[in-house]
Protein backbone atom coordinates (compact mmCIF):
# COMPACT_ATOMS: atom_id res chain seq x y z
CA MET A 1 -3.56 11.75 -12.23
CA LEU A 2 -2.33 12.22 -8.66
CA PHE A 3 -4.73 12.60 -5.74
CA HIS A 4 -3.27 15.99 -4.80
CA GLU A 5 -3.50 17.40 -8.34
CA ALA A 6 -6.22 19.76 -9.52
CA ARG A 7 -7.31 17.30 -12.22
CA TYR A 8 -8.19 14.68 -9.63
CA LEU A 9 -9.96 17.16 -7.40
CA TRP A 10 -12.10 18.28 -10.34
CA LEU A 11 -12.90 14.66 -11.26
CA LEU A 12 -13.87 13.93 -7.65
CA LEU A 13 -16.00 17.07 -7.41
CA VAL A 14 -17.84 16.43 -10.70
CA THR A 15 -18.41 12.79 -9.76
CA PHE A 16 -19.67 13.78 -6.31
CA VAL A 17 -22.21 16.29 -7.68
CA ALA A 18 -23.43 13.99 -10.45
CA TYR A 19 -23.54 11.01 -8.08
CA TRP A 20 -25.82 12.65 -5.50
CA CYS A 21 -27.71 15.19 -7.62
CA VAL A 22 -28.15 13.58 -11.05
CA ALA A 23 -27.96 9.79 -10.65
CA ARG A 24 -30.98 8.72 -8.61
CA THR A 25 -30.95 4.93 -8.80
CA ARG A 26 -28.42 2.44 -7.52
CA ARG A 27 -27.73 1.21 -11.06
CA ALA A 28 -27.16 4.75 -12.36
CA ARG A 29 -24.77 5.57 -9.52
CA ASN A 30 -22.77 2.38 -10.05
CA THR A 31 -22.55 3.13 -13.77
CA LEU A 32 -21.39 6.67 -13.02
CA LEU A 33 -18.68 5.38 -10.66
CA LEU A 34 -17.51 2.90 -13.28
CA ALA A 35 -17.35 5.65 -15.93
CA ALA A 36 -15.41 7.96 -13.58
CA SER A 37 -13.02 5.10 -12.81
CA VAL A 38 -12.39 4.49 -16.52
CA VAL A 39 -11.71 8.22 -17.03
CA PHE A 40 -9.32 8.20 -14.08
CA TYR A 41 -7.31 5.22 -15.37
CA ALA A 42 -7.48 6.25 -19.05
CA ASN A 43 -5.93 9.59 -18.12
CA TRP A 44 -2.69 7.66 -17.62
CA ASN A 45 -2.95 5.13 -20.45
CA PRO A 46 -6.25 4.62 -22.32
CA TRP A 47 -5.24 1.31 -23.90
CA LEU A 48 -4.43 -0.39 -20.60
CA VAL A 49 -8.03 0.13 -19.47
CA LEU A 50 -8.72 -2.76 -21.83
CA LEU A 51 -6.30 -4.93 -19.83
CA VAL A 52 -8.12 -4.30 -16.56
CA ALA A 53 -11.51 -4.74 -18.24
CA SER A 54 -10.42 -8.02 -19.83
CA THR A 55 -9.14 -9.28 -16.50
CA ALA A 56 -12.45 -8.36 -14.90
CA ILE A 57 -14.52 -10.15 -17.56
CA TYR A 58 -12.29 -13.23 -17.47
CA ASP A 59 -12.48 -13.72 -13.71
CA TYR A 60 -16.17 -12.79 -13.65
CA ARG A 61 -16.89 -15.67 -16.02
CA LEU A 62 -14.52 -18.08 -14.28
CA ALA A 63 -16.10 -17.34 -10.90
CA ARG A 64 -19.52 -18.15 -12.36
CA ALA A 65 -18.02 -21.37 -13.77
CA ILE A 66 -16.48 -22.29 -10.41
CA GLU A 67 -19.83 -21.82 -8.71
CA ALA A 68 -21.58 -24.00 -11.31
CA ALA A 69 -18.91 -26.73 -11.43
CA PRO A 70 -20.46 -30.20 -10.97
CA THR A 71 -17.53 -31.78 -9.11
CA ALA A 72 -14.82 -30.76 -6.64
CA ARG A 73 -12.17 -31.57 -9.24
CA ALA A 74 -13.81 -29.28 -11.79
CA ARG A 75 -13.98 -26.52 -9.19
CA ARG A 76 -10.26 -26.83 -8.49
CA THR A 77 -9.39 -26.89 -12.19
CA ARG A 78 -11.40 -23.77 -12.86
CA LEU A 79 -9.89 -22.05 -9.81
CA VAL A 80 -6.38 -22.74 -11.10
CA ALA A 81 -7.37 -21.29 -14.49
CA ALA A 82 -8.89 -18.23 -12.81
CA ILE A 83 -5.72 -17.55 -10.83
CA ALA A 84 -3.17 -18.47 -13.52
CA VAL A 85 -4.12 -15.78 -16.04
CA PRO A 86 -3.94 -12.68 -13.76
CA LEU A 87 -0.77 -14.04 -12.15
CA GLY A 88 0.67 -14.69 -15.61
CA LEU A 89 -0.10 -11.13 -16.68
CA LEU A 90 1.49 -9.80 -13.48
CA ALA A 91 4.58 -11.93 -14.08
CA TYR A 92 4.87 -10.73 -17.69
CA PHE A 93 4.44 -7.03 -17.06
CA LYS A 94 6.36 -6.81 -13.80
CA TYR A 95 8.99 -9.56 -13.78
CA THR A 96 9.96 -10.36 -17.39
CA ASN A 97 13.12 -8.22 -17.48
CA PHE A 98 14.06 -9.28 -13.95
CA LEU A 99 13.78 -12.99 -14.83
CA VAL A 100 15.69 -12.51 -18.09
CA ALA A 101 18.47 -10.78 -16.17
CA GLN A 102 18.69 -13.72 -13.77
CA ALA A 103 18.85 -16.15 -16.71
CA TRP A 104 21.51 -14.08 -18.50
CA PRO A 105 24.52 -16.24 -17.45
CA LEU A 106 22.85 -19.25 -19.08
CA LEU A 107 21.82 -17.25 -22.15
CA ARG A 108 25.40 -16.04 -22.54
CA VAL A 109 26.67 -19.62 -22.50
CA LEU A 110 24.15 -20.42 -25.23
CA GLY A 111 25.69 -17.71 -27.43
CA MET A 112 23.61 -14.60 -26.80
CA ARG A 113 25.87 -11.54 -26.90
CA GLU A 114 23.77 -8.98 -25.01
CA PRO A 115 21.03 -9.44 -22.43
CA PRO A 116 17.65 -8.59 -24.02
CA VAL A 117 15.65 -5.78 -22.43
CA PHE A 118 11.95 -5.62 -23.25
CA ALA A 119 10.17 -2.27 -23.42
CA ILE A 120 7.24 -3.27 -21.22
CA VAL A 121 4.98 -0.60 -19.72
CA LEU A 122 3.95 -1.60 -16.20
CA PRO A 123 0.21 -0.98 -15.82
CA LEU A 124 -0.54 1.20 -12.81
CA GLY A 125 -2.07 -0.74 -9.94
CA ILE A 126 -1.63 -4.19 -11.52
CA SER A 127 -0.26 -5.68 -8.29
CA PHE A 128 -3.24 -4.41 -6.30
CA TYR A 129 -6.06 -5.37 -8.63
CA THR A 130 -4.43 -8.77 -9.26
CA PHE A 131 -4.62 -9.48 -5.52
CA GLU A 132 -8.25 -8.35 -5.49
CA THR A 133 -9.31 -10.58 -8.36
CA ILE A 134 -7.49 -13.55 -6.81
CA ALA A 135 -9.28 -12.90 -3.52
CA TYR A 136 -12.59 -12.84 -5.39
CA VAL A 137 -12.25 -16.18 -7.17
CA ILE A 138 -10.83 -17.88 -4.07
CA ASP A 139 -13.68 -16.59 -1.92
CA VAL A 140 -16.18 -17.87 -4.49
CA TYR A 141 -14.34 -21.21 -4.52
CA ARG A 142 -14.48 -21.39 -0.71
CA ARG A 143 -18.20 -20.49 -0.87
CA ARG A 144 -17.67 -17.42 1.31
CA ILE A 145 -19.45 -15.24 -1.24
CA PRO A 146 -21.69 -15.96 -4.23
CA ALA A 147 -20.37 -15.22 -7.71
CA GLU A 148 -21.35 -11.72 -8.82
CA ARG A 149 -24.22 -11.70 -11.34
CA ARG A 150 -23.60 -8.23 -12.81
CA VAL A 151 -20.35 -7.90 -14.74
CA GLY A 152 -20.52 -4.11 -14.37
CA ASP A 153 -20.60 -4.37 -10.58
CA TYR A 154 -17.61 -6.71 -10.60
CA ALA A 155 -15.73 -4.36 -12.95
CA LEU A 156 -16.50 -1.52 -10.52
CA TYR A 157 -15.05 -3.62 -7.68
CA LEU A 158 -11.72 -3.78 -9.54
CA LEU A 159 -11.74 -0.34 -11.14
CA PHE A 160 -13.19 1.84 -8.35
CA PHE A 161 -10.83 4.78 -8.74
CA PRO A 162 -10.03 5.70 -5.12
CA HIS A 163 -8.37 2.33 -4.43
CA LEU A 164 -7.44 1.27 -7.98
CA ILE A 165 -3.79 2.34 -8.07
CA ALA A 166 -2.38 1.59 -4.61
CA GLY A 167 -5.11 0.14 -2.44
CA PRO A 168 -6.27 -0.39 0.19
CA ILE A 169 -6.63 -3.97 -1.07
CA VAL A 170 -10.38 -4.48 -0.83
CA ARG A 171 -12.03 -7.87 -0.36
CA PRO A 172 -15.10 -8.58 -2.50
CA GLY A 173 -17.14 -9.25 0.62
CA GLN A 174 -16.33 -5.74 1.82
CA PHE A 175 -17.14 -3.90 -1.41
CA LEU A 176 -19.78 -5.71 -3.45
CA PRO A 177 -22.52 -5.68 -0.77
CA GLN A 178 -22.11 -1.89 -0.48
CA ILE A 179 -22.80 -1.22 -4.15
CA ARG A 180 -25.83 -3.53 -4.09
CA ARG A 181 -27.49 -1.33 -1.46
CA ASP A 182 -29.19 2.01 -1.92
CA ARG A 183 -27.05 4.86 -0.63
CA ALA A 184 -28.30 8.15 0.78
CA LEU A 185 -26.35 11.39 1.12
CA ASP A 186 -25.07 11.75 4.68
CA TRP A 187 -23.40 15.09 5.35
CA SER A 188 -21.63 13.75 8.42
CA ARG A 189 -19.92 11.17 6.18
CA VAL A 190 -19.10 13.90 3.67
CA GLU A 191 -17.50 16.01 6.40
CA ALA A 192 -15.52 13.02 7.66
CA GLY A 193 -14.45 12.17 4.12
CA VAL A 194 -13.19 15.68 3.43
CA ARG A 195 -11.36 15.77 6.75
CA VAL A 196 -9.62 12.43 6.15
CA PHE A 197 -8.75 13.41 2.57
CA VAL A 198 -7.16 16.72 3.64
CA PHE A 199 -5.25 14.99 6.43
CA GLY A 200 -3.85 12.53 3.89
CA MET A 201 -2.98 15.39 1.57
CA LEU A 202 -1.02 17.07 4.36
CA LYS A 203 0.87 13.84 5.04
CA LYS A 204 1.83 13.49 1.40
CA ALA A 205 2.47 17.03 0.25
CA VAL A 206 3.91 18.59 3.39
CA VAL A 207 5.65 15.73 5.22
CA ALA A 208 6.55 13.02 2.70
CA ASP A 209 7.56 15.28 -0.17
CA GLN A 210 9.56 17.60 2.10
CA LEU A 211 11.48 14.67 3.61
CA ALA A 212 12.18 13.31 0.12
CA LEU A 213 14.33 16.39 -0.49
CA VAL A 214 16.59 15.19 2.34
CA VAL A 215 16.39 11.46 1.69
CA ASP A 216 17.02 11.29 -2.07
CA PRO A 217 20.52 12.85 -2.27
CA ILE A 218 21.81 10.86 0.72
CA PHE A 219 20.58 7.51 -0.64
CA ALA A 220 22.05 8.45 -4.02
CA HIS A 221 25.56 9.00 -2.58
CA PRO A 222 25.67 7.51 0.95
CA ASP A 223 29.48 7.22 1.02
CA ALA A 224 29.75 11.02 0.97
CA TYR A 225 27.83 11.55 4.23
CA ALA A 226 28.68 11.13 7.89
CA THR A 227 27.23 8.27 9.91
CA GLY A 228 24.84 10.48 11.85
CA THR A 229 23.55 12.06 8.65
CA VAL A 230 22.93 8.64 7.08
CA TRP A 231 20.92 7.61 10.14
CA ILE A 232 18.88 10.80 9.84
CA ALA A 233 18.16 9.92 6.20
CA VAL A 234 17.03 6.41 7.11
CA VAL A 235 14.69 7.67 9.84
CA CYS A 236 13.41 10.33 7.46
CA TYR A 237 12.70 7.68 4.85
CA ALA A 238 10.81 5.61 7.40
CA VAL A 239 8.57 8.60 8.09
CA GLN A 240 8.44 9.56 4.40
CA ILE A 241 7.16 6.19 3.20
CA TYR A 242 4.66 6.03 6.06
CA CYS A 243 3.24 9.48 5.37
CA ASP A 244 3.34 8.92 1.61
CA PHE A 245 1.51 5.58 1.67
CA SER A 246 -0.82 6.23 4.60
CA GLY A 247 -1.51 9.64 3.06
CA TYR A 248 -2.59 7.92 -0.16
CA SER A 249 -4.74 5.51 1.86
CA ASP A 250 -6.36 8.40 3.74
CA MET A 251 -7.15 10.20 0.48
CA ALA A 252 -8.56 6.99 -1.00
CA ILE A 253 -10.71 6.36 2.08
CA GLY A 254 -11.85 9.98 2.17
CA SER A 255 -12.73 9.99 -1.54
CA ALA A 256 -14.76 6.80 -1.15
CA ARG A 257 -16.63 8.19 1.86
CA LEU A 258 -17.76 11.15 -0.22
CA LEU A 259 -19.41 8.62 -2.53
CA GLY A 260 -21.02 6.56 0.22
CA ILE A 261 -18.45 3.72 0.09
CA THR A 262 -16.41 2.52 3.07
CA LEU A 263 -12.88 1.26 2.41
CA PRO A 264 -10.92 -0.68 5.05
CA THR A 265 -8.34 0.94 7.34
CA ASN A 266 -4.80 0.39 6.08
CA PHE A 267 -2.57 1.80 8.87
CA ASP A 268 -2.81 1.92 12.65
CA MET A 269 0.14 3.85 14.13
CA PRO A 270 2.64 1.19 12.93
CA TYR A 271 5.73 2.83 14.42
CA PHE A 272 4.27 2.38 17.88
CA ALA A 273 4.40 -1.40 17.43
CA ALA A 274 6.33 -3.22 20.13
CA ASN A 275 7.47 -6.22 18.05
CA PRO A 276 7.72 -7.27 14.37
CA ALA A 277 4.44 -9.23 14.44
CA GLU A 278 2.57 -6.23 15.84
CA PHE A 279 4.20 -3.99 13.23
CA TRP A 280 2.69 -6.09 10.44
CA ARG A 281 -0.70 -6.01 12.14
CA ARG A 282 -0.49 -2.20 11.94
CA TRP A 283 1.37 -1.59 8.63
CA HIS A 284 -0.37 -2.00 5.25
CA ILE A 285 -3.07 -3.96 7.05
CA THR A 286 -4.95 -5.00 3.92
CA LEU A 287 -1.79 -6.53 2.41
CA SER A 288 -0.80 -8.25 5.67
CA THR A 289 -4.23 -9.84 6.06
CA TRP A 290 -4.29 -10.80 2.36
CA LEU A 291 -0.93 -12.56 2.69
CA ARG A 292 -2.17 -14.30 5.83
CA ASP A 293 -5.48 -15.51 4.36
CA TYR A 294 -4.45 -16.35 0.79
CA LEU A 295 -0.81 -17.41 1.18
CA TYR A 296 0.30 -18.18 4.77
CA ILE A 297 -2.77 -20.22 5.74
CA PRO A 298 -2.93 -22.16 2.42
CA LEU A 299 0.76 -22.98 2.87
CA GLY A 300 -0.20 -24.63 6.16
CA GLY A 301 -0.04 -21.72 8.59
CA ASN A 302 0.83 -23.01 12.03
CA ARG A 303 -0.99 -26.34 11.64
CA HIS A 304 1.96 -28.65 10.91
CA GLY A 305 4.49 -28.05 13.65
CA THR A 306 7.01 -25.42 14.65
CA LEU A 307 9.48 -25.75 11.79
CA ALA A 308 6.72 -25.71 9.18
CA THR A 309 5.29 -22.58 10.79
CA TYR A 310 8.66 -20.83 10.58
CA ARG A 311 9.03 -21.91 6.95
CA ASN A 312 5.56 -20.63 6.08
CA LEU A 313 6.21 -17.29 7.77
CA PHE A 314 9.50 -16.83 5.96
CA VAL A 315 8.17 -17.89 2.54
CA THR A 316 5.12 -15.62 2.92
CA MET A 317 7.24 -12.58 3.67
CA LEU A 318 9.77 -13.48 0.97
CA LEU A 319 6.99 -13.56 -1.63
CA GLY A 320 5.50 -10.41 -0.12
CA GLY A 321 8.83 -8.69 -0.70
CA LEU A 322 8.97 -9.92 -4.30
CA TRP A 323 5.42 -8.63 -4.83
CA HIS A 324 6.69 -5.13 -4.06
CA GLY A 325 9.15 -5.07 -6.91
CA ALA A 326 11.26 -7.00 -9.42
CA ALA A 327 14.60 -6.54 -7.68
CA TRP A 328 16.72 -8.45 -5.20
CA THR A 329 16.51 -5.55 -2.77
CA PHE A 330 12.79 -6.25 -2.30
CA VAL A 331 13.39 -9.98 -1.96
CA VAL A 332 16.01 -9.33 0.74
CA TRP A 333 13.65 -6.87 2.46
CA GLY A 334 10.91 -9.49 2.54
CA GLY A 335 13.31 -12.17 3.75
CA TYR A 336 14.60 -9.81 6.44
CA HIS A 337 11.10 -9.26 7.80
CA GLY A 338 10.40 -12.98 7.53
CA ALA A 339 13.49 -13.64 9.65
CA LEU A 340 12.37 -11.03 12.20
CA LEU A 341 8.97 -12.71 12.51
CA VAL A 342 10.57 -16.14 12.90
CA VAL A 343 13.06 -14.95 15.53
CA HIS A 344 10.35 -13.10 17.45
CA ARG A 345 8.19 -16.23 17.47
CA ALA A 346 11.05 -18.63 18.23
CA ILE A 347 12.63 -16.89 21.23
CA PRO A 348 11.00 -17.74 24.58
CA TRP A 349 10.90 -14.15 25.84
CA PRO A 350 10.93 -13.86 29.65
CA ALA A 351 7.66 -12.64 31.15
CA TRP A 352 9.27 -9.46 32.50
CA THR A 353 10.03 -8.23 28.97
CA GLY A 354 6.30 -7.80 28.42
CA ARG A 355 5.83 -5.33 31.25
CA ARG A 356 3.99 -2.18 30.32
CA ALA A 357 6.80 0.03 31.62
CA LEU A 358 9.18 -1.52 29.09
CA ARG A 359 6.89 -0.99 26.10
CA PRO A 360 8.67 2.25 25.03
CA VAL A 361 11.94 0.32 24.90
CA ARG A 362 10.36 -2.40 22.76
CA VAL A 363 8.83 0.23 20.48
CA VAL A 364 12.18 1.97 19.93
CA LEU A 365 13.92 -1.37 19.28
CA THR A 366 11.24 -2.44 16.81
CA PHE A 367 11.39 0.92 15.03
CA GLY A 368 15.17 0.56 14.72
CA LEU A 369 14.84 -2.92 13.21
CA VAL A 370 12.20 -1.68 10.77
CA CYS A 371 14.46 1.23 9.76
CA VAL A 372 17.27 -1.20 8.92
CA GLY A 373 14.85 -3.04 6.68
CA TRP A 374 13.85 0.17 4.92
CA VAL A 375 17.45 0.52 3.73
CA PHE A 376 16.97 -2.51 1.45
CA PHE A 377 13.54 -1.27 0.35
CA ARG A 378 14.81 2.18 -0.65
CA ALA A 379 18.32 1.46 -1.93
CA PRO A 380 18.72 1.22 -5.73
CA SER A 381 20.73 -2.00 -5.44
CA LEU A 382 22.11 -4.48 -2.94
CA GLY A 383 25.46 -2.73 -3.28
CA GLY A 384 23.87 0.59 -2.41
CA ALA A 385 22.15 -1.01 0.59
CA GLY A 386 25.49 -2.44 1.73
CA THR A 387 27.11 0.99 1.51
CA MET A 388 24.26 2.55 3.52
CA LEU A 389 24.52 -0.10 6.23
CA ALA A 390 28.30 0.26 6.39
CA GLN A 391 27.95 4.01 6.84
CA MET A 392 25.31 3.45 9.54
CA PHE A 393 27.20 0.96 11.66
CA VAL A 394 30.82 1.98 11.10
CA PRO A 395 31.43 5.53 12.40
CA THR A 396 32.46 7.56 9.37
CA PRO A 397 33.07 11.29 8.82
CA GLY A 398 31.52 13.09 5.88
CA LEU A 399 28.97 15.67 4.83
CA THR A 400 26.31 16.82 7.26
CA LEU A 401 23.01 18.62 6.87
CA ALA A 402 22.86 22.41 6.99
CA PRO A 403 21.56 23.75 10.34
CA ALA A 404 18.36 25.07 8.73
CA VAL A 405 17.68 21.68 7.14
CA THR A 406 18.34 19.91 10.42
CA ALA A 407 15.90 22.22 12.17
CA LEU A 408 13.23 21.60 9.50
CA VAL A 409 13.69 17.83 9.79
CA ALA A 410 13.41 18.06 13.58
CA VAL A 411 10.16 20.03 13.29
CA ILE A 412 8.66 17.55 10.81
CA LEU A 413 9.66 14.44 12.77
CA GLY A 414 8.50 16.04 16.02
CA THR A 415 5.13 16.88 14.49
CA VAL A 416 4.67 13.31 13.26
CA LEU A 417 5.59 11.97 16.71
CA VAL A 418 3.08 14.27 18.42
CA ALA A 419 0.41 13.24 15.90
CA HIS A 420 1.13 9.58 16.69
CA LEU A 421 0.85 10.29 20.42
CA VAL A 422 -2.42 12.19 20.00
CA GLY A 423 -3.85 9.49 17.73
CA THR A 424 -2.89 6.78 20.22
CA PHE A 425 -3.84 8.31 23.55
CA ALA A 426 -6.55 10.87 22.73
CA ASP A 427 -10.13 10.27 21.65
CA VAL A 428 -9.80 12.13 18.34
CA PRO A 429 -13.38 11.50 17.11
CA TRP A 430 -14.74 12.92 20.39
CA LEU A 431 -12.46 15.95 20.10
CA VAL A 432 -13.69 16.61 16.56
CA ARG A 433 -17.33 16.28 17.62
CA ALA A 434 -16.74 18.60 20.56
CA LEU A 435 -15.40 21.40 18.37
CA PRO A 436 -17.89 23.83 16.76
CA ALA A 437 -18.52 23.08 13.08
CA PRO A 438 -17.08 26.46 11.91
CA VAL A 439 -13.83 25.67 13.74
CA VAL A 440 -13.56 22.24 12.10
CA GLY A 441 -14.41 23.70 8.68
CA THR A 442 -11.84 26.44 9.05
CA ALA A 443 -9.18 23.95 10.14
CA VAL A 444 -9.89 21.72 7.15
CA ALA A 445 -9.77 24.69 4.75
CA CYS A 446 -6.49 25.89 6.28
CA GLY A 447 -5.06 22.37 6.00
CA PHE A 448 -5.98 22.25 2.31
CA LEU A 449 -4.36 25.63 1.65
CA LEU A 450 -1.30 24.68 3.69
CA ALA A 451 -0.84 21.51 1.66
CA GLY A 452 -0.99 23.54 -1.54
CA LEU A 453 1.39 26.25 -0.34
CA LEU A 454 4.05 24.08 1.35
CA ALA A 455 4.21 21.21 -1.11
CA PRO A 456 7.62 21.33 -2.84
CA ASP A 457 7.65 21.78 -6.61
CA THR A 458 9.40 18.43 -6.99
CA GLY A 459 6.62 16.47 -5.27
CA GLY A 460 5.58 13.60 -7.54
CA ALA A 461 3.81 10.28 -7.65
CA PHE A 462 3.12 8.25 -4.57
CA ILE A 463 5.84 5.72 -3.76
CA TYR A 464 3.46 2.76 -4.06
CA TYR A 465 2.40 3.77 -7.58
CA GLN A 466 5.43 1.81 -8.82
CA PHE A 467 4.08 -1.42 -7.34
């Protein structure tokens, strides 16, 4: 069930009406949200709802046990048990075939004739809700939050349908206090939620899915295209994945606002970052901060000297790349960004490079480096990534885009650039408040219709659904 499909819109509408008009108590509303979340997930695979529910019950009980542990050693033992099971499930569902493939040379020596391939169905959203349950038990262990007393509320924290599949990654301290409070209908929040949702829908259906029509054939056969065309495809993919993923995040945030729940911001104009560290403070913010708080800092952060800091940065990004997918392309992508962060931190940049007038140059350079990284992220294999990079950096003749396609790409990229500029330099909330309500309503309705009319027939799942 995709956010821009009619089925989801009907589910959201029915839930919204029942939530504010039928369910009157906090308990009833939480139960309704949990039921809607189960329906949402069961629409894809009913049996795997049991997996998420079992994970929720397991870590709910372990968190209670951690809180009640009589000694520090018992707390640590129970924490390890609480983390090991969801990580083990993630490893089984997501990495079994990848690990078997890596062990194949040894298995062949031992006499196995063909590498085994297991027919494992990857549960949607398992990477995201695994991170959320780990954050929960660690925060209970660190005594940042108390263990949740209501198993239904904890299950709602994991299953809440707007963020279940692809985030934002929500911390328990951000979500659980909200569902413990009474919530009143606020039409200003409803209006903002609809506006954010439609904006995300436009990003996905009009920008990301249109650019995919250009990106996919070029990444499939990069050796057939000219160098300039390959560069266009890489830039288009950078914009595609941004609009696809930030569009999902916008629709998730907008859906939650309709139901009185605030989800954290996940993107902040990342392609206007002036260095790799700033890029990761602006891109997939909830993942970046999760990796910082639950991986980089526990590894030692910057507390044990320069070399240890560089190691911790690199390992964190390497594991962050592996989290994205069971393929060496993702590992290389994570290592590439880890190396960028280390180099940026290690070089003693002269003071003049930080001048405000040079920021556009730093932004363009950073965007170029990020685009090179996206080649590994998007390519089907390391060989395919190598071919793309060779075509990019060795001038090569080949196929080019039709003039009409080039014009369409220019219009889309130009629109995204203008939107970035407006979002960065203009006070958008003030502009929205200054406009008459009928004008805002008409604009939102037109945006919704435009998304429906211009979305290509081949538009499919969000890119991050696979993670």
